[in-house]
Amino acid sequence: MVKEQPLEKTLEELNNKLIKELNETQLLDNPLNTVKKLLGYFSDKKLIFILDEFPLLLKHREILGNLQEFLDEKPKSTIILCGSYISAMEKIKDYSSPIYGRRMFSLKMHPLNFRHLEDFFPKAKKEELVKIYGALGGVPEYLLKLTPNFNKKQRPDFEDFIEKNFFNKDTYLSEEAEFLLRYELRDLSVYNSIIKSIAAGYTALNEISQKSFVEKHAIIKYIDILMGLGIVKKELPYLSLKKEKLKERGALYFISDNYFNFYYNFVYPFKEEIGLGLAGKAKNYFDKNFNSYLGFIFEEITRQFLVKKYDISFGRQWGSYNEREKGRILTKQYEIDLLSVIDDNAKELLAFEVKWKDLDYEKSKRILMGLESKVERLPLDLKKYKIKLGIVGKNIKGKKKLIKENFMVFDIKDF
């Protein structure tokens, strides 16, 4: 593990570790006190050498040159470079890097999916897991902050965990988001403004531009960087993704990292109060709005569930249509939460509405009838498709009756 310390200290620690673990006593008199010596040691031995948090070494300019020489000599050892700072790790792969073209492969680690949370919290109820995923996402380091106490018989209240770890100054989770951005980016205030705008629900490019006070011609550059870091994602209507000529117009932008999403919804707007030890306003806002925030989170959890269940892709579909009303032609909008269109021999169209609510038979049926009218607005020849409608809710009473009526019905007990 590379640390923020002088290079000489890092080399000394590595030298001592090799003496201890591999009994390399000759290193007592002839220590590996330069990077070149260290890599030379590994060149003719069949070992695996892992450097974690490698970007901390990049301030020493000779590092990549030394690595280039090492790799060009076709060493017996394998070297693995790990790092949590994405921009730095991407830079060592690009064309200008001395080690460009010399890697065997690259692996970008993504957050865990919702279904993996049960391994961290085997005693938690499904609804609790949705809350945890909504606040911490799928990054193991964040989940481990909650794990030790949450798996006890007398586990702490989730809301109490949030108050102590997010609405308290100088705690890890109350600072981590901006700490990561500060390491990766310049103009932190601009990025904060953009992420805050998206978190507040302004998802179209012109809306984000207006709310963040960044010129529209410049904002796409900032958003591209945030997408590269895995913080923001771009979505296009599902049906446009199936066309040969993809039109980028109409794209919407969302925060893809749940921890960042939670932070910029519930912590960042109240940083001043939290810094003064006055977290009451943040707590009240959380109490009032967290459940509605989970609606967006539950939609993504549902997408993961359906993709795994049916082994096909699902996406959000939106668009506009014209309707005559009182002698006038009005343009109206429609949105389908999750849609999948299968264009093989057996053409099928699967459409779902997702509600983070407790539903009964009557409410579910009304939602499904509304979904049916939305499907009729799709720019497709629907006569070619076998159409299946579905609903996913927090808890749904009357599931069996709806299933008998040929609807697809799921709630969190099925996940």
Protein backbone atom coordinates (compact mmCIF):
# COMPACT_ATOMS: atom_id res chain seq x y z
CA MET A 1 0.00 0.00 0.00
CA VAL A 2 1.57 3.25 -1.17
CA LYS A 3 1.31 6.05 1.40
CA GLU A 4 1.71 9.80 1.39
CA GLN A 5 5.36 9.70 2.44
CA PRO A 6 8.86 10.19 0.94
CA LEU A 7 9.80 7.67 -1.74
CA GLU A 8 12.81 6.60 0.32
CA LYS A 9 10.49 5.55 3.16
CA THR A 10 8.28 3.52 0.80
CA LEU A 11 11.32 1.71 -0.62
CA GLU A 12 12.64 1.02 2.88
CA GLU A 13 9.31 -0.55 3.91
CA LEU A 14 9.23 -2.70 0.77
CA ASN A 15 12.82 -3.82 1.33
CA ASN A 16 12.02 -4.83 4.92
CA LYS A 17 8.91 -6.69 3.80
CA LEU A 18 10.91 -8.74 1.29
CA ILE A 19 13.47 -9.60 3.98
CA LYS A 20 10.74 -10.70 6.37
CA GLU A 21 8.36 -12.51 3.98
CA LEU A 22 10.88 -14.11 1.58
CA ASN A 23 13.89 -14.33 3.90
CA GLU A 24 15.98 -12.22 1.48
CA THR A 25 18.74 -11.51 4.01
CA GLN A 26 21.12 -10.21 1.31
CA LEU A 27 18.91 -7.11 1.17
CA LEU A 28 20.17 -6.12 4.62
CA ASP A 29 23.57 -5.16 3.16
CA ASN A 30 22.39 -4.29 -0.36
CA PRO A 31 18.96 -2.67 0.08
CA LEU A 32 16.61 -1.87 -2.79
CA ASN A 33 16.84 1.87 -2.22
CA THR A 34 15.91 3.03 -5.75
CA VAL A 35 12.95 2.19 -7.96
CA LYS A 36 15.30 0.81 -10.62
CA LYS A 37 16.89 -1.60 -8.09
CA LEU A 38 13.47 -2.63 -6.81
CA LEU A 39 12.14 -3.46 -10.27
CA GLY A 40 15.40 -5.17 -11.17
CA TYR A 41 14.88 -7.48 -8.18
CA PHE A 42 11.46 -8.52 -9.50
CA SER A 43 12.66 -8.88 -13.10
CA ASP A 44 14.20 -12.35 -12.69
CA LYS A 45 11.89 -13.75 -9.98
CA LYS A 46 8.49 -15.31 -10.55
CA LEU A 47 6.43 -13.18 -8.19
CA ILE A 48 3.30 -11.02 -8.23
CA PHE A 49 3.98 -7.43 -7.18
CA ILE A 50 0.90 -5.32 -6.41
CA LEU A 51 1.15 -1.57 -5.89
CA ASP A 52 -2.06 -0.28 -4.34
CA GLU A 53 -2.83 3.48 -4.56
CA PHE A 54 -0.19 3.69 -7.28
CA PRO A 55 -1.12 7.30 -8.28
CA LEU A 56 0.61 8.53 -5.10
CA LEU A 57 3.92 7.53 -6.72
CA LEU A 58 3.31 9.48 -9.92
CA LYS A 59 4.71 12.69 -8.46
CA HIS A 60 8.10 10.97 -8.82
CA ARG A 61 8.58 11.46 -12.56
CA GLU A 62 11.08 8.64 -13.02
CA ILE A 63 8.52 5.99 -11.97
CA LEU A 64 6.86 5.45 -15.36
CA GLY A 65 10.22 5.47 -17.18
CA ASN A 66 11.53 2.82 -14.80
CA LEU A 67 8.39 0.78 -15.35
CA GLN A 68 8.85 1.04 -19.12
CA GLU A 69 12.38 -0.41 -18.90
CA PHE A 70 11.15 -3.13 -16.54
CA LEU A 71 8.32 -4.21 -18.86
CA ASP A 72 10.46 -4.08 -22.00
CA GLU A 73 12.83 -6.61 -20.43
CA LYS A 74 9.99 -9.20 -20.40
CA PRO A 75 10.20 -9.82 -16.64
CA LYS A 76 9.24 -13.10 -14.98
CA SER A 77 7.21 -11.25 -12.35
CA THR A 78 3.74 -9.81 -12.89
CA ILE A 79 3.10 -6.27 -11.72
CA ILE A 80 -0.39 -5.01 -10.85
CA LEU A 81 -1.09 -1.30 -10.51
CA CYS A 82 -4.18 -0.33 -8.50
CA GLY A 83 -5.62 3.08 -7.73
CA SER A 84 -8.84 4.74 -6.63
CA TYR A 85 -8.12 8.02 -8.46
CA ILE A 86 -9.61 7.36 -11.86
CA SER A 87 -8.14 10.28 -13.80
CA ALA A 88 -4.59 9.35 -12.74
CA MET A 89 -5.10 5.68 -13.62
CA GLU A 90 -6.56 6.62 -17.02
CA LYS A 91 -3.61 8.93 -17.73
CA ILE A 92 -1.01 6.16 -17.34
CA LYS A 93 -2.84 4.21 -20.09
CA ASP A 94 -3.03 6.96 -22.71
CA TYR A 95 -0.80 7.41 -25.75
CA SER A 96 1.58 9.88 -24.10
CA SER A 97 2.39 7.52 -21.20
CA PRO A 98 5.80 5.75 -21.24
CA ILE A 99 4.04 2.44 -20.54
CA TYR A 100 1.42 2.86 -23.29
CA GLY A 101 0.71 -0.44 -25.07
CA ARG A 102 2.60 -2.52 -22.51
CA ARG A 103 -0.26 -3.60 -20.27
CA MET A 104 -1.84 -7.05 -20.52
CA PHE A 105 -5.29 -5.79 -19.56
CA SER A 106 -7.16 -3.13 -17.62
CA LEU A 107 -10.02 -3.70 -15.20
CA LYS A 108 -12.29 -0.90 -14.00
CA MET A 109 -14.05 -1.81 -10.78
CA HIS A 110 -17.72 -0.81 -10.67
CA PRO A 111 -19.95 -0.51 -7.60
CA LEU A 112 -21.71 -3.68 -6.49
CA ASN A 113 -25.32 -4.24 -7.55
CA PHE A 114 -28.18 -4.15 -5.07
CA ARG A 115 -28.43 -7.94 -4.82
CA HIS A 116 -24.93 -8.12 -3.28
CA LEU A 117 -25.97 -6.09 -0.22
CA GLU A 118 -27.49 -9.17 1.43
CA ASP A 119 -23.94 -10.53 1.79
CA PHE A 120 -23.04 -7.45 3.85
CA PHE A 121 -26.30 -7.27 5.82
CA PRO A 122 -27.76 -10.81 6.14
CA LYS A 123 -30.15 -9.74 8.93
CA ALA A 124 -31.56 -6.69 7.17
CA LYS A 125 -35.04 -6.56 5.67
CA LYS A 126 -35.38 -5.80 1.94
CA GLU A 127 -36.78 -2.33 2.62
CA GLU A 128 -33.79 -1.56 4.84
CA LEU A 129 -31.45 -2.70 2.05
CA VAL A 130 -33.09 -0.27 -0.37
CA LYS A 131 -32.47 2.57 2.11
CA ILE A 132 -28.84 1.53 2.61
CA TYR A 133 -28.27 1.26 -1.16
CA GLY A 134 -29.89 4.67 -1.66
CA ALA A 135 -27.45 6.35 0.74
CA LEU A 136 -24.23 4.34 0.35
CA GLY A 137 -24.53 2.74 -3.08
CA GLY A 138 -22.42 -0.31 -3.89
CA VAL A 139 -18.94 0.76 -2.78
CA PRO A 140 -17.74 -1.80 -0.20
CA GLU A 141 -15.70 0.76 1.78
CA TYR A 142 -18.89 2.76 2.49
CA LEU A 143 -20.98 -0.33 3.27
CA LEU A 144 -18.38 -1.49 5.78
CA LYS A 145 -18.94 1.71 7.79
CA LEU A 146 -22.41 0.37 8.62
CA THR A 147 -21.80 -3.38 8.65
CA PRO A 148 -20.30 -4.13 12.13
CA ASN A 149 -23.15 -2.73 14.23
CA PHE A 150 -25.98 -3.33 11.75
CA ASN A 151 -25.57 -7.12 11.92
CA LYS A 152 -25.96 -7.26 15.70
CA LYS A 153 -29.25 -8.34 17.28
CA GLN A 154 -29.78 -4.86 18.71
CA ARG A 155 -28.72 -3.00 15.61
CA PRO A 156 -28.80 0.81 15.41
CA ASP A 157 -31.56 2.66 13.63
CA PHE A 158 -30.64 3.46 9.98
CA GLU A 159 -31.76 7.08 10.38
CA ASP A 160 -29.52 7.36 13.45
CA PHE A 161 -26.56 6.11 11.38
CA ILE A 162 -27.29 8.77 8.75
CA GLU A 163 -27.48 11.54 11.34
CA LYS A 164 -24.20 10.55 13.01
CA ASN A 165 -22.24 9.92 9.80
CA PHE A 166 -23.60 12.50 7.34
CA PHE A 167 -25.00 15.34 9.43
CA ASN A 168 -21.93 15.61 11.66
CA LYS A 169 -18.94 17.68 10.61
CA ASP A 170 -15.54 16.02 10.14
CA THR A 171 -16.94 12.49 9.74
CA TYR A 172 -15.68 10.29 6.89
CA LEU A 173 -18.94 10.12 4.93
CA SER A 174 -19.70 13.82 5.38
CA GLU A 175 -16.43 14.75 3.65
CA GLU A 176 -15.57 11.91 1.27
CA ALA A 177 -17.47 13.15 -1.81
CA GLU A 178 -15.73 16.53 -1.98
CA PHE A 179 -12.40 15.00 -0.94
CA LEU A 180 -12.54 12.68 -3.97
CA LEU A 181 -13.51 15.50 -6.31
CA ARG A 182 -10.77 17.75 -4.95
CA TYR A 183 -8.17 15.10 -5.78
CA GLU A 184 -9.54 14.43 -9.27
CA LEU A 185 -10.57 17.90 -10.47
CA ARG A 186 -9.83 21.57 -10.67
CA ASP A 187 -12.61 24.20 -10.48
CA LEU A 188 -14.31 22.27 -7.67
CA SER A 189 -16.94 25.00 -7.25
CA VAL A 190 -18.08 24.51 -10.87
CA TYR A 191 -18.41 20.74 -10.49
CA ASN A 192 -20.21 21.16 -7.16
CA SER A 193 -22.70 23.46 -8.84
CA ILE A 194 -23.29 21.06 -11.73
CA ILE A 195 -23.74 17.97 -9.53
CA LYS A 196 -26.03 19.87 -7.16
CA SER A 197 -28.20 20.99 -10.11
CA ILE A 198 -28.55 17.43 -11.42
CA ALA A 199 -29.30 16.13 -7.92
CA ALA A 200 -32.07 18.73 -7.65
CA GLY A 201 -33.78 17.24 -10.72
CA TYR A 202 -32.50 19.46 -13.54
CA THR A 203 -31.46 16.78 -16.01
CA ALA A 204 -31.61 18.38 -19.48
CA LEU A 205 -28.45 20.10 -20.68
CA ASN A 206 -29.94 23.59 -20.92
CA GLU A 207 -31.51 23.25 -17.44
CA ILE A 208 -28.19 22.17 -15.91
CA SER A 209 -26.46 25.07 -17.67
CA GLN A 210 -28.93 27.64 -16.32
CA LYS A 211 -29.02 26.32 -12.76
CA SER A 212 -25.24 25.89 -12.43
CA PHE A 213 -24.42 29.22 -14.16
CA VAL A 214 -22.12 27.51 -16.67
CA GLU A 215 -22.33 28.44 -20.36
CA LYS A 216 -23.99 25.72 -22.44
CA HIS A 217 -21.04 25.48 -24.87
CA ALA A 218 -18.71 24.77 -21.92
CA ILE A 219 -20.85 22.55 -19.71
CA ILE A 220 -20.59 19.42 -21.85
CA LYS A 221 -16.82 19.35 -21.17
CA TYR A 222 -17.43 19.30 -17.40
CA ILE A 223 -20.17 16.67 -17.70
CA ASP A 224 -17.96 14.44 -19.87
CA ILE A 225 -15.33 14.49 -17.12
CA LEU A 226 -17.93 13.60 -14.46
CA MET A 227 -19.13 10.73 -16.66
CA GLY A 228 -15.54 9.52 -16.99
CA LEU A 229 -15.32 9.44 -13.19
CA GLY A 230 -18.52 7.38 -12.95
CA ILE A 231 -20.39 10.10 -11.06
CA VAL A 232 -22.80 11.17 -13.81
CA LYS A 233 -24.46 9.10 -16.53
CA LYS A 234 -26.17 10.08 -19.77
CA GLU A 235 -29.48 8.53 -20.76
CA LEU A 236 -31.22 8.57 -24.12
CA PRO A 237 -34.74 7.29 -24.77
CA TYR A 238 -34.57 3.49 -24.95
CA LEU A 239 -35.93 3.30 -28.48
CA SER A 240 -33.37 5.79 -29.80
CA LEU A 241 -30.61 3.42 -28.64
CA LYS A 242 -32.01 0.75 -30.97
CA LYS A 243 -31.76 2.94 -34.06
CA GLU A 244 -28.79 2.67 -36.41
CA LYS A 245 -28.31 6.43 -36.51
CA LEU A 246 -28.19 7.53 -32.91
CA LYS A 247 -29.42 11.07 -32.27
CA GLU A 248 -27.88 12.66 -29.20
CA ARG A 249 -30.55 15.35 -28.95
CA GLY A 250 -32.84 14.94 -25.98
CA ALA A 251 -30.28 13.27 -23.72
CA LEU A 252 -30.83 13.54 -19.98
CA TYR A 253 -28.15 13.40 -17.28
CA PHE A 254 -28.40 11.72 -13.88
CA ILE A 255 -26.09 11.06 -10.96
CA SER A 256 -25.09 7.41 -11.31
CA ASP A 257 -23.26 7.02 -7.98
CA ASN A 258 -25.76 6.63 -5.14
CA TYR A 259 -23.38 7.95 -2.48
CA PHE A 260 -22.80 11.15 -4.50
CA ASN A 261 -26.52 11.38 -5.23
CA PHE A 262 -27.38 11.18 -1.54
CA TYR A 263 -24.59 13.57 -0.58
CA TYR A 264 -25.65 16.29 -3.03
CA ASN A 265 -29.32 15.88 -2.17
CA PHE A 266 -29.12 15.84 1.62
CA VAL A 267 -25.67 16.99 2.80
CA TYR A 268 -24.12 19.52 0.41
CA PRO A 269 -27.08 22.01 0.49
CA PHE A 270 -26.69 22.17 4.31
CA LYS A 271 -22.88 22.20 4.60
CA GLU A 272 -22.82 25.57 6.36
CA GLU A 273 -25.32 24.50 9.04
CA ILE A 274 -23.60 21.12 9.53
CA GLY A 275 -20.24 22.89 9.86
CA LEU A 276 -21.67 25.03 12.65
CA GLY A 277 -23.06 21.98 14.44
CA LEU A 278 -26.65 22.93 13.52
CA ALA A 279 -27.82 19.83 11.65
CA GLY A 280 -31.51 20.16 12.49
CA LYS A 281 -32.43 21.68 9.12
CA ALA A 282 -30.63 18.91 7.21
CA LYS A 283 -32.28 16.24 9.38
CA ASN A 284 -35.75 17.71 8.83
CA TYR A 285 -35.20 17.86 5.07
CA PHE A 286 -34.00 14.23 5.09
CA ASP A 287 -37.04 13.08 7.10
CA LYS A 288 -39.44 14.77 4.64
CA ASN A 289 -37.76 13.87 1.35
CA PHE A 290 -35.80 10.63 1.69
CA ASN A 291 -38.75 8.38 0.84
CA SER A 292 -39.49 10.21 -2.42
CA TYR A 293 -35.76 10.19 -3.25
CA LEU A 294 -35.85 6.40 -2.93
CA GLY A 295 -38.30 6.27 -5.86
CA PHE A 296 -35.43 7.06 -8.24
CA ILE A 297 -33.17 4.54 -6.47
CA PHE A 298 -35.84 1.83 -6.59
CA GLU A 299 -36.21 2.29 -10.34
CA GLU A 300 -32.50 1.47 -10.83
CA ILE A 301 -32.74 -1.50 -8.43
CA THR A 302 -35.72 -2.75 -10.45
CA ARG A 303 -33.79 -2.39 -13.70
CA GLN A 304 -30.97 -4.53 -12.25
CA PHE A 305 -33.54 -7.13 -11.11
CA LEU A 306 -35.33 -7.32 -14.48
CA VAL A 307 -32.08 -7.48 -16.49
CA LYS A 308 -30.97 -10.47 -14.40
CA LYS A 309 -34.39 -12.14 -14.46
CA TYR A 310 -35.09 -11.87 -18.20
CA ASP A 311 -31.49 -11.62 -19.47
CA ILE A 312 -32.36 -8.66 -21.72
CA SER A 313 -31.70 -4.92 -21.55
CA PHE A 314 -34.19 -2.43 -20.12
CA GLY A 315 -34.20 1.35 -20.32
CA ARG A 316 -36.30 4.41 -19.69
CA GLN A 317 -38.41 5.63 -22.62
CA TRP A 318 -39.79 9.14 -23.02
CA GLY A 319 -41.09 11.24 -25.85
CA SER A 320 -43.85 13.54 -27.04
CA TYR A 321 -47.08 13.20 -29.00
CA ASN A 322 -49.74 15.51 -30.42
CA GLU A 323 -53.30 15.47 -29.18
CA ARG A 324 -56.32 17.51 -30.22
CA GLU A 325 -58.00 19.22 -27.28
CA LYS A 326 -60.84 21.76 -27.60
CA GLY A 327 -60.01 22.37 -31.24
CA ARG A 328 -56.28 22.88 -30.61
CA ILE A 329 -53.32 20.61 -31.24
CA LEU A 330 -51.32 20.23 -28.02
CA THR A 331 -47.93 18.58 -27.62
CA LYS A 332 -47.83 16.30 -24.58
CA GLN A 333 -45.12 14.19 -22.95
CA TYR A 334 -45.11 10.53 -21.90
CA GLU A 335 -42.60 8.46 -19.94
CA ILE A 336 -42.33 4.71 -19.38
CA ASP A 337 -40.14 3.74 -16.43
CA LEU A 338 -38.64 0.59 -17.96
CA LEU A 339 -39.05 -0.75 -21.47
CA SER A 340 -37.57 -3.64 -23.42
CA VAL A 341 -38.26 -4.44 -27.07
CA ILE A 342 -37.24 -7.80 -28.51
CA ASP A 343 -37.02 -7.77 -32.31
CA ASP A 344 -36.18 -11.44 -32.87
CA ASN A 345 -38.55 -13.90 -34.56
CA ALA A 346 -40.94 -13.78 -31.60
CA LYS A 347 -41.33 -10.02 -31.28
CA GLU A 348 -42.12 -8.92 -27.73
CA LEU A 349 -42.48 -5.62 -25.92
CA LEU A 350 -42.17 -5.53 -22.13
CA ALA A 351 -43.16 -2.32 -20.31
CA PHE A 352 -43.05 -1.67 -16.54
CA GLU A 353 -44.17 1.04 -14.18
CA VAL A 354 -42.14 1.25 -10.96
CA LYS A 355 -43.58 2.68 -7.72
CA TRP A 356 -41.83 2.88 -4.35
CA LYS A 357 -45.23 2.54 -2.68
CA ASP A 358 -47.52 0.02 -1.02
CA LEU A 359 -50.17 -0.81 -3.61
CA ASP A 360 -53.43 -2.77 -3.62
CA TYR A 361 -55.18 -4.40 -6.56
CA GLU A 362 -57.24 -1.34 -7.55
CA LYS A 363 -54.29 1.10 -7.48
CA SER A 364 -52.11 -1.35 -9.39
CA LYS A 365 -54.78 -1.87 -12.06
CA ARG A 366 -55.16 1.90 -12.58
CA ILE A 367 -51.40 2.27 -12.98
CA LEU A 368 -51.32 -0.60 -15.48
CA MET A 369 -54.15 0.93 -17.52
CA GLY A 370 -52.21 4.21 -17.59
CA LEU A 371 -49.15 2.28 -18.75
CA GLU A 372 -51.18 0.72 -21.54
CA SER A 373 -52.11 4.18 -22.86
CA LYS A 374 -48.43 5.23 -22.73
CA VAL A 375 -47.38 2.17 -24.73
CA GLU A 376 -49.88 3.23 -27.42
CA ARG A 377 -47.82 6.42 -27.84
CA LEU A 378 -44.64 4.54 -28.75
CA PRO A 379 -43.30 5.20 -32.28
CA LEU A 380 -43.62 1.51 -33.22
CA ASP A 381 -45.94 -0.69 -35.25
CA LEU A 382 -47.44 -2.31 -32.17
CA LYS A 383 -49.37 -4.90 -34.21
CA LYS A 384 -46.06 -6.71 -34.76
CA TYR A 385 -45.41 -7.19 -31.04
CA LYS A 386 -46.75 -9.33 -28.25
CA ILE A 387 -47.19 -6.69 -25.54
CA LYS A 388 -46.65 -7.54 -21.87
CA LEU A 389 -47.37 -4.97 -19.16
CA GLY A 390 -45.89 -5.07 -15.68
CA ILE A 391 -45.77 -3.25 -12.38
CA VAL A 392 -43.17 -3.25 -9.61
CA GLY A 393 -43.94 -1.80 -6.17
CA LYS A 394 -42.64 -1.77 -2.62
CA ASN A 395 -45.42 -4.16 -1.55
CA ILE A 396 -48.35 -5.20 -3.75
CA LYS A 397 -51.53 -6.80 -2.42
CA GLY A 398 -53.53 -8.77 -4.98
CA LYS A 399 -50.44 -9.96 -6.86
CA LYS A 400 -51.93 -13.36 -7.67
CA LYS A 401 -55.08 -11.84 -9.14
CA LEU A 402 -53.06 -9.48 -11.35
CA ILE A 403 -50.78 -12.30 -12.50
CA LYS A 404 -53.87 -14.35 -13.46
CA GLU A 405 -54.89 -11.40 -15.63
CA ASN A 406 -51.55 -11.82 -17.50
CA PHE A 407 -49.71 -8.87 -15.92
CA MET A 408 -46.09 -9.14 -14.71
CA VAL A 409 -46.11 -8.20 -11.02
CA PHE A 410 -43.17 -7.95 -8.62
CA ASP A 411 -42.40 -6.32 -5.29
CA ILE A 412 -39.32 -6.26 -3.07
CA LYS A 413 -40.11 -9.73 -1.66
CA ASP A 414 -39.29 -11.07 -5.16
CA PHE A 415 -35.89 -9.39 -5.38
